[in-house]
Protein backbone atom coordinates (compact mmCIF):
# COMPACT_ATOMS: atom_id res chain seq x y z
CA UNK A 1 93.10 -43.90 -51.17
CA UNK A 2 92.03 -40.79 -49.62
CA UNK A 3 94.09 -38.41 -51.61
CA UNK A 4 92.38 -40.33 -54.62
CA UNK A 5 88.78 -39.82 -53.26
CA UNK A 6 89.56 -36.15 -52.66
CA UNK A 7 91.01 -35.39 -56.30
CA UNK A 8 87.73 -37.06 -57.58
CA UNK A 9 85.22 -34.32 -55.78
CA UNK A 10 87.66 -31.72 -56.45
CA UNK A 11 87.20 -32.44 -59.88
CA UNK A 12 83.40 -33.16 -59.54
CA UNK A 13 83.21 -29.95 -57.62
CA UNK A 14 84.36 -27.51 -60.61
CA UNK A 15 82.82 -29.71 -63.25
CA UNK A 16 79.37 -28.50 -61.78
CA UNK A 17 80.75 -24.49 -61.44
CA UNK A 18 81.52 -24.87 -65.20
CA UNK A 19 78.19 -26.07 -66.28
CA UNK A 20 76.07 -23.89 -64.18
CA UNK A 21 76.31 -20.27 -64.59
CA UNK A 22 77.28 -18.00 -61.22
CA UNK A 23 79.18 -21.00 -59.94
CA UNK A 24 79.07 -22.55 -56.50
CA UNK A 25 79.86 -19.56 -54.72
CA UNK A 26 76.83 -17.31 -56.41
CA UNK A 27 74.85 -20.06 -55.04
CA UNK A 28 73.01 -19.59 -51.31
CA UNK A 29 72.99 -22.47 -48.84
CA UNK A 30 70.06 -24.14 -47.71
CA UNK A 31 70.40 -24.27 -43.93
CA UNK A 32 70.01 -27.81 -41.95
CA UNK A 33 67.09 -29.38 -40.83
CA UNK A 34 67.02 -28.76 -37.50
CA UNK A 35 67.68 -31.42 -35.29
CA UNK A 36 70.16 -33.33 -37.92
CA UNK A 37 73.50 -33.76 -36.82
CA UNK A 38 76.58 -34.10 -39.80
CA UNK A 39 78.65 -36.58 -39.22
CA UNK A 40 82.21 -35.64 -37.50
CA UNK A 41 84.43 -37.91 -39.94
CA UNK A 42 82.49 -36.55 -42.62
CA UNK A 43 83.22 -33.08 -41.76
CA UNK A 44 86.84 -33.71 -41.13
CA UNK A 45 87.53 -35.40 -44.70
CA UNK A 46 85.81 -32.25 -45.95
CA UNK A 47 88.02 -30.17 -44.33
CA UNK A 48 91.07 -31.70 -45.59
CA UNK A 49 89.90 -32.49 -48.97
CA UNK A 50 88.80 -28.95 -49.43
CA UNK A 51 90.92 -26.33 -51.64
CA UNK A 52 91.89 -23.18 -50.28
CA UNK A 53 90.37 -21.03 -52.21
CA UNK A 54 86.82 -22.23 -51.49
CA UNK A 55 84.64 -20.38 -48.78
CA UNK A 56 84.30 -22.10 -45.14
CA UNK A 57 80.62 -23.76 -44.72
CA UNK A 58 79.17 -22.04 -42.42
CA UNK A 59 77.34 -23.79 -39.72
CA UNK A 60 73.40 -24.68 -40.09
CA UNK A 61 71.42 -21.98 -38.58
CA UNK A 62 69.78 -23.32 -34.91
CA UNK A 63 66.25 -23.14 -34.79
CA UNK A 64 64.65 -20.41 -32.28
CA UNK A 65 63.74 -21.09 -28.74
CA UNK A 66 60.44 -21.07 -28.05
CA UNK A 67 59.66 -17.78 -26.33
CA UNK A 68 60.04 -17.96 -22.31
CA UNK A 69 57.33 -18.28 -20.52
CA UNK A 70 56.12 -15.56 -18.32
CA UNK A 71 56.24 -15.81 -14.81
CA UNK A 72 53.57 -16.53 -12.86
CA UNK A 73 51.03 -13.55 -12.59
CA UNK A 74 50.18 -12.32 -9.15
CA UNK A 75 46.44 -13.14 -7.68
CA UNK A 76 44.33 -10.70 -8.98
CA UNK A 77 42.74 -7.89 -6.05
CA UNK A 78 39.48 -8.71 -7.20
CA UNK A 79 37.70 -11.49 -5.84
CA UNK A 80 35.50 -13.73 -7.01
CA UNK A 81 31.72 -13.48 -5.52
CA UNK A 82 31.49 -16.27 -2.90
CA UNK A 83 29.29 -19.41 -3.15
CA UNK A 84 26.78 -19.22 -0.65
CA UNK A 85 25.11 -22.15 0.83
CA UNK A 86 21.57 -22.41 0.32
CA UNK A 87 20.99 -24.05 3.32
CA UNK A 88 22.60 -21.97 5.53
CA UNK A 89 20.37 -19.11 7.44
CA UNK A 90 21.92 -15.79 7.73
CA UNK A 91 18.99 -14.79 9.73
CA UNK A 92 19.42 -16.42 12.88
CA UNK A 93 23.06 -15.52 13.04
CA UNK A 94 21.59 -11.88 13.64
CA UNK A 95 21.57 -10.65 16.95
CA UNK A 96 18.59 -10.67 18.15
CA UNK A 97 18.57 -6.35 18.71
CA UNK A 98 19.48 -6.23 15.38
CA UNK A 99 15.97 -8.48 14.63
CA UNK A 100 14.03 -6.29 17.41
CA UNK A 101 15.10 -2.95 15.73
CA UNK A 102 13.87 -4.51 12.30
CA UNK A 103 10.58 -4.95 13.78
CA UNK A 104 10.04 -2.25 15.16
CA UNK A 105 9.33 -0.46 11.72
CA UNK A 106 6.46 -2.77 11.02
CA UNK A 107 2.71 -2.29 11.36
CA UNK A 108 0.83 -4.24 13.58
CA UNK A 109 -0.70 -6.79 10.34
CA UNK A 110 2.81 -7.37 9.37
CA UNK A 111 4.70 -7.73 12.43
CA UNK A 112 1.80 -10.69 13.30
CA UNK A 113 2.51 -12.55 9.96
CA UNK A 114 5.96 -12.41 10.87
CA UNK A 115 5.04 -14.42 13.49
CA UNK A 116 4.64 -17.56 11.56
CA UNK A 117 7.46 -17.59 9.79
CA UNK A 118 9.71 -19.83 12.67
CA UNK A 119 9.94 -20.00 16.33
CA UNK A 120 12.66 -17.34 16.79
CA UNK A 121 10.56 -14.94 14.85
CA UNK A 122 7.49 -15.68 16.98
CA UNK A 123 9.15 -14.98 20.02
CA UNK A 124 10.90 -12.12 19.23
CA UNK A 125 7.99 -10.80 17.26
CA UNK A 126 5.85 -10.87 20.60
CA UNK A 127 8.10 -8.21 22.18
CA UNK A 128 6.03 -6.66 24.77
CA UNK A 129 8.02 -3.39 24.17
CA UNK A 130 7.21 -3.20 20.31
CA UNK A 131 3.80 -4.20 20.74
CA UNK A 132 3.42 -0.92 23.52
CA UNK A 133 4.44 1.42 20.82
CA UNK A 134 1.88 0.34 18.46
CA UNK A 135 -0.61 0.27 21.07
CA UNK A 136 0.53 3.92 22.47
CA UNK A 137 0.52 4.74 18.46
CA UNK A 138 -3.15 3.58 18.46
CA UNK A 139 -4.37 5.55 21.12
CA UNK A 140 -2.63 8.80 20.22
CA UNK A 141 -4.35 8.29 16.65
CA UNK A 142 -7.93 8.10 18.72
CA UNK A 143 -7.05 11.31 20.65
CA UNK A 144 -8.40 9.59 23.83
CA UNK A 145 -6.51 8.35 26.96
CA UNK A 146 -6.51 4.98 28.66
CA UNK A 147 -7.04 4.56 32.34
CA UNK A 148 -4.14 5.27 34.44
CA UNK A 149 -3.91 1.40 35.39
CA UNK A 150 -2.70 0.49 31.79
CA UNK A 151 -0.16 2.25 30.83
CA UNK A 152 3.14 1.53 32.89
CA UNK A 153 4.69 4.57 34.09
CA UNK A 154 8.28 3.49 32.73
CA UNK A 155 9.37 0.94 29.66
CA UNK A 156 10.79 -1.14 32.50
CA UNK A 157 6.94 -1.72 33.18
CA UNK A 158 6.32 -2.96 29.80
CA UNK A 159 7.88 -6.39 29.97
CA UNK A 160 6.53 -6.86 33.46
CA UNK A 161 3.17 -7.59 31.77
CA UNK A 162 2.47 -10.95 30.61
CA UNK A 163 3.45 -12.20 26.90
CA UNK A 164 0.61 -10.85 24.25
CA UNK A 165 -0.92 -8.42 26.79
CA UNK A 166 -0.25 -5.14 24.54
CA UNK A 167 -0.67 -7.18 21.36
CA UNK A 168 -4.35 -7.91 22.50
CA UNK A 169 -5.15 -4.13 23.48
CA UNK A 170 -3.81 -3.40 19.78
CA UNK A 171 -6.00 -5.56 18.50
CA UNK A 172 -8.91 -4.56 20.56
CA UNK A 173 -8.09 -1.13 19.92
CA UNK A 174 -7.66 -1.65 15.74
CA UNK A 175 -9.97 -3.60 15.13
CA UNK A 176 -13.88 -3.32 15.03
CA UNK A 177 -14.17 -0.93 17.53
CA UNK A 178 -16.25 -1.24 21.03
CA UNK A 179 -19.85 -2.81 20.42
CA UNK A 180 -20.70 -0.08 23.57
CA UNK A 181 -19.46 2.26 21.74
CA UNK A 182 -21.36 2.28 18.56
CA UNK A 183 -24.43 0.37 19.61
CA UNK A 184 -25.55 3.72 21.42
CA UNK A 185 -25.33 4.93 18.28
CA UNK A 186 -28.03 3.04 16.89
CA UNK A 187 -30.54 3.22 19.69
CA UNK A 188 -31.24 7.04 17.62
CA UNK A 189 -33.82 5.89 15.46
CA UNK A 190 -35.40 7.80 12.52
CA UNK A 191 -39.16 8.27 13.21
CA UNK A 192 -39.56 9.10 9.22
CA UNK A 193 -37.91 5.65 8.16
CA UNK A 194 -37.88 3.59 11.35
CA UNK A 195 -34.35 2.44 10.99
CA UNK A 196 -31.32 4.07 13.13
CA UNK A 197 -30.82 7.82 12.23
CA UNK A 198 -26.44 7.69 12.30
CA UNK A 199 -26.30 4.33 10.01
CA UNK A 200 -24.53 6.28 7.09
CA UNK A 201 -22.32 8.05 10.04
CA UNK A 202 -21.53 4.91 10.96
CA UNK A 203 -20.58 3.37 8.20
CA UNK A 204 -18.17 5.84 7.01
CA UNK A 205 -16.68 6.22 10.83
CA UNK A 206 -16.26 2.47 11.33
CA UNK A 207 -14.37 2.47 7.27
CA UNK A 208 -17.15 -0.40 6.31
CA UNK A 209 -17.36 -1.43 2.69
CA UNK A 210 -18.35 -4.06 0.91
CA UNK A 211 -16.74 -6.58 -1.44
CA UNK A 212 -17.80 -9.22 -3.49
CA UNK A 213 -16.48 -12.78 -4.00
CA UNK A 214 -17.16 -15.21 -6.78
CA UNK A 215 -16.35 -18.40 -6.63
CA UNK A 216 -16.31 -20.29 -10.30
CA UNK A 217 -16.87 -24.00 -10.89
CA UNK A 218 -13.52 -24.92 -11.31
CA UNK A 219 -12.89 -23.94 -7.53
CA UNK A 220 -10.96 -20.20 -8.70
CA UNK A 221 -12.18 -17.39 -6.26
CA UNK A 222 -12.20 -13.73 -7.91
CA UNK A 223 -12.82 -10.69 -5.13
CA UNK A 224 -14.14 -7.52 -6.11
CA UNK A 225 -13.87 -4.18 -4.62
CA UNK A 226 -16.70 -1.50 -4.58
CA UNK A 227 -16.75 1.66 -6.80
CA UNK A 228 -19.20 3.71 -5.67
CA UNK A 229 -22.29 3.72 -3.22
CA UNK A 230 -25.58 5.76 -3.04
CA UNK A 231 -27.40 5.84 0.41
CA UNK A 232 -30.95 6.28 -0.01
CA UNK A 233 -34.15 6.86 3.07
CA UNK A 234 -33.48 3.36 4.31
CA UNK A 235 -30.82 1.64 2.33
CA UNK A 236 -27.75 1.86 0.38
CA UNK A 237 -26.62 0.10 -3.38
CA UNK A 238 -23.51 -0.66 -3.79
CA UNK A 239 -22.01 -1.22 -7.52
CA UNK A 240 -19.07 -3.21 -8.57
CA UNK A 241 -17.35 -2.44 -11.80
CA UNK A 242 -13.88 -2.84 -11.95
CA UNK A 243 -12.03 -6.50 -12.77
CA UNK A 244 -11.98 -9.51 -15.14
CA UNK A 245 -15.27 -10.83 -15.21
CA UNK A 246 -16.35 -13.95 -15.60
CA UNK A 247 -19.07 -15.43 -17.71
CA UNK A 248 -22.15 -16.14 -15.63
CA UNK A 249 -22.28 -19.88 -16.30
CA UNK A 250 -19.00 -20.23 -14.93
CA UNK A 251 -20.01 -19.08 -11.42
CA UNK A 252 -21.19 -21.39 -8.91
CA UNK A 253 -21.27 -19.40 -5.52
CA UNK A 254 -21.28 -15.29 -5.39
CA UNK A 255 -20.58 -13.96 -1.95
CA UNK A 256 -21.37 -10.41 -0.33
CA UNK A 257 -19.23 -9.57 2.16
CA UNK A 258 -18.28 -6.57 4.94
CA UNK A 259 -15.06 -4.96 5.04
CA UNK A 260 -13.43 -2.79 7.86
CA UNK A 261 -11.05 -0.73 5.33
CA UNK A 262 -7.60 0.20 6.54
CA UNK A 263 -6.40 3.45 7.26
CA UNK A 264 -3.72 3.67 4.48
CA UNK A 265 -3.84 2.45 1.59
CA UNK A 266 -0.11 0.77 2.22
CA UNK A 267 -2.08 -2.41 3.78
CA UNK A 268 -4.73 -3.00 1.47
CA UNK A 269 -3.58 -6.14 0.28
CA UNK A 270 -3.43 -7.49 4.01
CA UNK A 271 -5.68 -9.60 5.34
CA UNK A 272 -9.01 -8.04 6.90
CA UNK A 273 -11.61 -9.18 8.69
CA UNK A 274 -14.54 -10.29 6.52
CA UNK A 275 -18.38 -10.78 7.89
CA UNK A 276 -20.41 -12.71 5.62
CA UNK A 277 -23.84 -10.96 4.46
CA UNK A 278 -25.10 -12.76 1.67
CA UNK A 279 -24.42 -16.40 -0.14
CA UNK A 280 -26.23 -16.93 -3.54
CA UNK A 281 -25.57 -20.12 -5.21
CA UNK A 282 -25.91 -18.62 -9.22
CA UNK A 283 -25.33 -22.56 -10.51
CA UNK A 284 -29.20 -22.86 -10.14
CA UNK A 285 -31.13 -21.96 -12.85
CA UNK A 286 -34.45 -21.69 -11.25
CA UNK A 287 -33.17 -18.58 -9.42
CA UNK A 288 -32.69 -16.68 -12.38
CA UNK A 289 -35.36 -13.81 -12.68
CA UNK A 290 -34.46 -11.21 -15.87
CA UNK A 291 -35.34 -7.72 -14.74
CA UNK A 292 -34.57 -5.57 -17.17
CA UNK A 293 -32.53 -5.46 -20.84
CA UNK A 294 -31.16 -2.87 -22.87
CA UNK A 295 -29.16 -2.93 -26.61
CA UNK A 296 -25.98 -4.12 -24.24
CA UNK A 297 -26.86 -5.80 -21.03
CA UNK A 298 -29.38 -7.58 -19.46
CA UNK A 299 -30.47 -7.95 -15.93
CA UNK A 300 -30.77 -10.91 -13.75
CA UNK A 301 -32.30 -10.07 -10.33
CA UNK A 302 -31.32 -12.70 -7.22
CA UNK A 303 -31.89 -13.00 -3.65
CA UNK A 304 -30.85 -10.62 -1.28
CA UNK A 305 -31.40 -7.55 -3.37
CA UNK A 306 -27.89 -8.71 -5.75
CA UNK A 307 -28.79 -7.69 -9.19
CA UNK A 308 -26.12 -8.70 -12.11
CA UNK A 309 -25.59 -7.19 -15.65
CA UNK A 310 -24.79 -9.18 -18.18
CA UNK A 311 -23.11 -8.33 -21.67
CA UNK A 312 -25.55 -9.40 -24.62
CA UNK A 313 -24.20 -12.40 -26.64
CA UNK A 314 -21.23 -13.21 -24.63
CA UNK A 315 -23.33 -13.62 -21.03
CA UNK A 316 -20.33 -12.33 -19.40
CA UNK A 317 -20.41 -10.21 -16.38
CA UNK A 318 -20.58 -6.28 -16.61
CA UNK A 319 -21.19 -5.29 -12.96
CA UNK A 320 -22.94 -6.22 -10.00
CA UNK A 321 -25.41 -3.56 -7.78
CA UNK A 322 -26.67 -4.91 -4.41
CA UNK A 323 -29.36 -3.09 -2.80
CA UNK A 324 -28.55 -3.58 1.48
CA UNK A 325 -31.43 -2.34 3.44
CA UNK A 326 -30.65 -0.28 6.73
CA UNK A 327 -31.86 -2.59 9.05
CA UNK A 328 -29.21 -5.04 10.85
CA UNK A 329 -27.02 -3.79 8.15
CA UNK A 330 -24.07 -2.64 10.52
CA UNK A 331 -24.00 -5.66 12.57
CA UNK A 332 -24.22 -8.06 9.35
CA UNK A 333 -21.43 -6.17 7.95
CA UNK A 334 -19.33 -6.32 11.48
CA UNK A 335 -20.42 -9.37 13.53
CA UNK A 336 -20.25 -12.04 11.11
CA UNK A 337 -17.95 -14.43 10.09
CA UNK A 338 -15.68 -15.47 6.78
CA UNK A 339 -18.54 -18.58 6.03
CA UNK A 340 -21.50 -17.57 8.66
CA UNK A 341 -23.26 -14.75 8.43
CA UNK A 342 -24.46 -12.89 11.27
CA UNK A 343 -28.11 -14.16 12.60
CA UNK A 344 -30.28 -11.23 14.74
CA UNK A 345 -32.44 -12.62 17.62
CA UNK A 346 -36.12 -12.85 17.34
CA UNK A 347 -38.08 -10.36 18.48
CA UNK A 348 -41.49 -11.39 19.85
CA UNK A 349 -44.33 -9.62 21.33
CA UNK A 350 -46.79 -10.76 23.84
CA UNK A 351 -50.50 -10.17 24.07
CA UNK A 352 -52.64 -11.82 26.66
CA UNK A 353 -55.25 -10.23 26.77
CA UNK A 354 -58.04 -10.90 23.64
CA UNK A 355 -57.01 -13.90 21.96
CA UNK A 356 -59.60 -12.68 19.09
CA UNK A 357 -56.91 -9.50 19.32
CA UNK A 358 -56.05 -8.33 15.40
CA UNK A 359 -52.35 -6.66 14.70
CA UNK A 360 -53.11 -3.08 13.85
CA UNK A 361 -51.31 0.16 13.83
CA UNK A 362 -48.82 -0.62 10.96
CA UNK A 363 -46.97 1.48 9.00
CA UNK A 364 -45.20 0.98 5.55
CA UNK A 365 -42.55 2.94 3.75
CA UNK A 366 -42.00 2.57 0.43
CA UNK A 367 -39.22 3.87 -1.80
CA UNK A 368 -38.21 4.13 -5.74
CA UNK A 369 -34.62 4.41 -6.25
CA UNK A 370 -31.96 3.47 -8.34
CA UNK A 371 -27.82 4.22 -8.19
CA UNK A 372 -27.95 7.68 -8.53
CA UNK A 373 -31.00 9.41 -7.27
CA UNK A 374 -34.23 8.81 -5.19
CA UNK A 375 -37.28 8.28 -7.54
CA UNK A 376 -40.47 8.17 -5.46
CA UNK A 377 -40.72 7.81 -1.35
CA UNK A 378 -43.93 6.90 0.03
CA UNK A 379 -45.61 6.51 3.69
CA UNK A 380 -48.50 4.87 5.00
CA UNK A 381 -49.37 4.75 8.46
CA UNK A 382 -52.15 3.50 10.74
CA UNK A 383 -52.77 0.22 8.23
CA UNK A 384 -55.23 -2.26 9.78
CA UNK A 385 -55.07 -5.78 9.17
CA UNK A 386 -57.90 -8.18 9.92
CA UNK A 387 -58.66 -12.15 9.51
CA UNK A 388 -60.75 -11.13 6.74
CA UNK A 389 -57.99 -10.12 4.90
CA UNK A 390 -55.86 -13.51 5.17
CA UNK A 391 -55.49 -15.41 1.90
CA UNK A 392 -52.80 -18.17 0.92
CA UNK A 393 -51.02 -17.32 3.64
CA UNK A 394 -50.99 -14.16 3.57
CA UNK A 395 -52.48 -11.63 5.95
CA UNK A 396 -52.93 -8.13 3.67
CA UNK A 397 -52.74 -4.42 4.89
CA UNK A 398 -55.37 -2.09 4.30
CA UNK A 399 -53.93 1.22 2.55
CA UNK A 400 -55.61 3.92 0.97
CA UNK A 401 -55.56 4.85 -2.69
CA UNK A 402 -54.05 8.09 -3.48
CA UNK A 403 -52.59 9.36 -6.33
CA UNK A 404 -48.49 9.80 -5.65
CA UNK A 405 -46.50 11.52 -9.49
CA UNK A 406 -43.15 10.12 -9.47
CA UNK A 407 -40.25 12.38 -9.62
CA UNK A 408 -38.80 11.79 -13.18
CA UNK A 409 -38.17 8.80 -15.37
CA UNK A 410 -38.51 5.20 -13.98
CA UNK A 411 -34.95 3.92 -15.23
CA UNK A 412 -32.07 1.93 -13.89
CA UNK A 413 -28.41 3.71 -14.96
CA UNK A 414 -25.55 1.47 -14.88
CA UNK A 415 -21.85 1.58 -15.83
CA UNK A 416 -19.24 -0.36 -16.73
CA UNK A 417 -15.41 -0.66 -16.86
CA UNK A 418 -14.12 1.22 -20.01
CA UNK A 419 -16.71 4.35 -19.74
CA UNK A 420 -19.47 2.04 -20.95
CA UNK A 421 -22.82 3.36 -19.53
CA UNK A 422 -26.68 3.19 -19.93
CA UNK A 423 -30.00 3.22 -19.14
CA UNK A 424 -32.43 0.22 -18.73
CA UNK A 425 -35.94 2.02 -18.83
CA UNK A 426 -38.92 0.93 -16.51
CA UNK A 427 -36.89 -0.61 -13.96
CA UNK A 428 -35.83 0.39 -10.70
CA UNK A 429 -34.19 -0.37 -7.26
CA UNK A 430 -37.52 -0.95 -4.81
CA UNK A 431 -37.03 -0.55 -0.77
CA UNK A 432 -40.16 -1.76 1.48
CA UNK A 433 -40.14 -1.32 4.99
CA UNK A 434 -42.82 -2.90 7.25
CA UNK A 435 -43.40 -1.51 10.41
CA UNK A 436 -45.46 -2.76 13.72
CA UNK A 437 -47.22 -1.44 15.92
CA UNK A 438 -44.50 -0.50 17.92
CA UNK A 439 -42.64 0.72 15.49
CA UNK A 440 -40.19 -2.03 15.06
CA UNK A 441 -39.11 -3.71 11.97
CA UNK A 442 -41.19 -6.28 10.89
CA UNK A 443 -40.31 -7.02 7.33
CA UNK A 444 -37.42 -5.41 5.14
CA UNK A 445 -37.05 -5.53 1.45
CA UNK A 446 -34.55 -4.53 -1.00
CA UNK A 447 -34.82 -5.81 -4.59
CA UNK A 448 -35.01 -4.79 -8.49
CA UNK A 449 -37.87 -4.60 -10.52
CA UNK A 450 -39.49 -3.68 -13.50
CA UNK A 451 -43.08 -2.23 -14.84
CA UNK A 452 -44.81 -4.74 -16.39
CA UNK A 453 -47.65 -3.74 -18.49
CA UNK A 454 -50.95 -4.43 -17.82
CA UNK A 455 -53.44 -2.83 -20.48
CA UNK A 456 -53.26 -2.59 -23.99
CA UNK A 457 -53.12 0.89 -24.27
CA UNK A 458 -50.11 1.51 -22.98
CA UNK A 459 -51.10 3.58 -19.76
CA UNK A 460 -51.22 1.21 -16.88
CA UNK A 461 -47.99 -0.45 -15.33
CA UNK A 462 -47.45 -2.52 -12.34
CA UNK A 463 -44.65 -3.86 -9.84
CA UNK A 464 -44.54 -6.92 -8.80
CA UNK A 465 -42.83 -8.55 -5.92
CA UNK A 466 -43.00 -12.01 -3.90
CA UNK A 467 -40.75 -14.25 -1.16
CA UNK A 468 -42.06 -16.08 1.69
CA UNK A 469 -42.00 -13.23 3.76
CA UNK A 470 -44.44 -10.98 2.12
CA UNK A 471 -45.97 -10.05 -1.33
CA UNK A 472 -46.18 -5.99 -2.85
CA UNK A 473 -48.12 -5.02 -5.93
CA UNK A 474 -47.89 -1.31 -6.94
CA UNK A 475 -49.68 0.01 -9.97
CA UNK A 476 -48.65 3.19 -11.88
CA UNK A 477 -50.02 5.09 -14.55
CA UNK A 478 -48.79 7.21 -17.62
CA UNK A 479 -49.74 10.15 -18.18
CA UNK A 480 -48.94 11.22 -21.46
CA UNK A 481 -49.89 14.74 -21.56
CA UNK A 482 -47.76 15.88 -18.50
CA UNK A 483 -44.52 12.53 -19.27
CA UNK A 484 -45.12 11.09 -15.92
CA UNK A 485 -45.79 8.32 -13.90
CA UNK A 486 -48.48 8.42 -11.33
CA UNK A 487 -48.55 5.82 -8.23
CA UNK A 488 -52.74 4.69 -8.33
CA UNK A 489 -52.68 1.37 -6.16
CA UNK A 490 -50.48 -0.38 -3.99
CA UNK A 491 -50.82 -3.87 -2.10
CA UNK A 492 -48.78 -5.45 0.54
CA UNK A 493 -49.12 -8.65 2.14
CA UNK A 494 -47.26 -10.27 5.31
CA UNK A 495 -46.60 -14.21 5.90
CA UNK A 496 -49.09 -15.17 8.59
CA UNK A 497 -46.32 -17.16 9.72
CA UNK A 498 -44.12 -14.25 9.50
CA UNK A 499 -46.98 -12.22 11.91
CA UNK A 500 -47.26 -15.36 14.47
CA UNK A 501 -43.51 -15.62 14.97
CA UNK A 502 -44.15 -12.45 16.80
CA UNK A 503 -46.69 -13.40 19.51
CA UNK A 504 -45.29 -16.70 20.23
């Protein structure tokens, strides 16, 4: 039966070869699918029944094995950045000697700020050796030698001092100079003005400058540093023009502080001692007083001699000027605090000779100027004051009327940020000093004023000022042919309350 089946399959194959061209030999056998095995019995039967002239079929090709996995690579020599723990303080792991070496490169202001970091920095930053080096540098800068009992003979004696000893000495030398040193300079009085003769030089040697602080209604504070100043006979005019200025309606408080400038420009942003000179509440509209205007700005006059220039139309601040009188200016710029100004003691003068005694021998100094030049100055001496001249609580001083020429035009030049500038006509700064019979300041005034037309022929003008302490009225005449102003009248009145305080 098996031979019959083999004969059947042989005849079938021969018939297929005759029916198709090329025969079975020319055909290519398709490889068997991977994974399918030929049954062993069927393979043996085919071998037994295959004729001798037929080729032996090849075994199906095996599928290509997958490529071998590469051996595990060696670890890279470039290490990944370590992950730091934010809670770990690496500064505390440094030795104290290293931290002290770092602190030795700081100045006194930075070293003081470091003490507020933590307890370790507070202890290390108060090291006497570091503060001794700063104290020695400050002494060398001033070019004078301290007492021999203060400086130790060796560095070993530095640590023997109490903690904070050299720190206190350093800030005592770096801060405001000793009162006994600069107060001696103020004893020299200028006989012409009645003010200290060395005020300008003393302010320069003490590195005193002035800053404006604007506090807006929302609580935001902006500090502006002065740009330039102008010294006259008895006052100084300070100007501020740089910065981002707010609108005048947004400002609630304006503060003027005296500041001691640092020696180097690297410490300009560090905390400095500030002495409050004046504080003005801008939001009170009754204090606003317009004193002049031109095509670009308007001038607003406030108390304490502060003048604010605002842009017309936008009401944004363009610049600020302050006219500061020399009377107690050094003390007001140094001895006040951040929130409290310096208050000079009241000076009284006793008179027990005659109860009907009238004060006499007053001196009045009038100076008109602006931020760049002096316009006019006049001094009146031996002025009398009687009871008949007391009206409305003010005592009038008798002045002789003399025609005093005015140098040039009466104007108020200004300059804002960006190079914008202008000149307001018939407006200027006015400084008035009234000295008593002992040549001591009785009333000091620094303010801005404008000329008001008093006649219809455009020839006579008047300059007025009035406050609780005194009044000033100046009359000018314009000479058209000479193109010049002349002072033809001056009236000065002192408050009776202020005069009585001198004899109480």
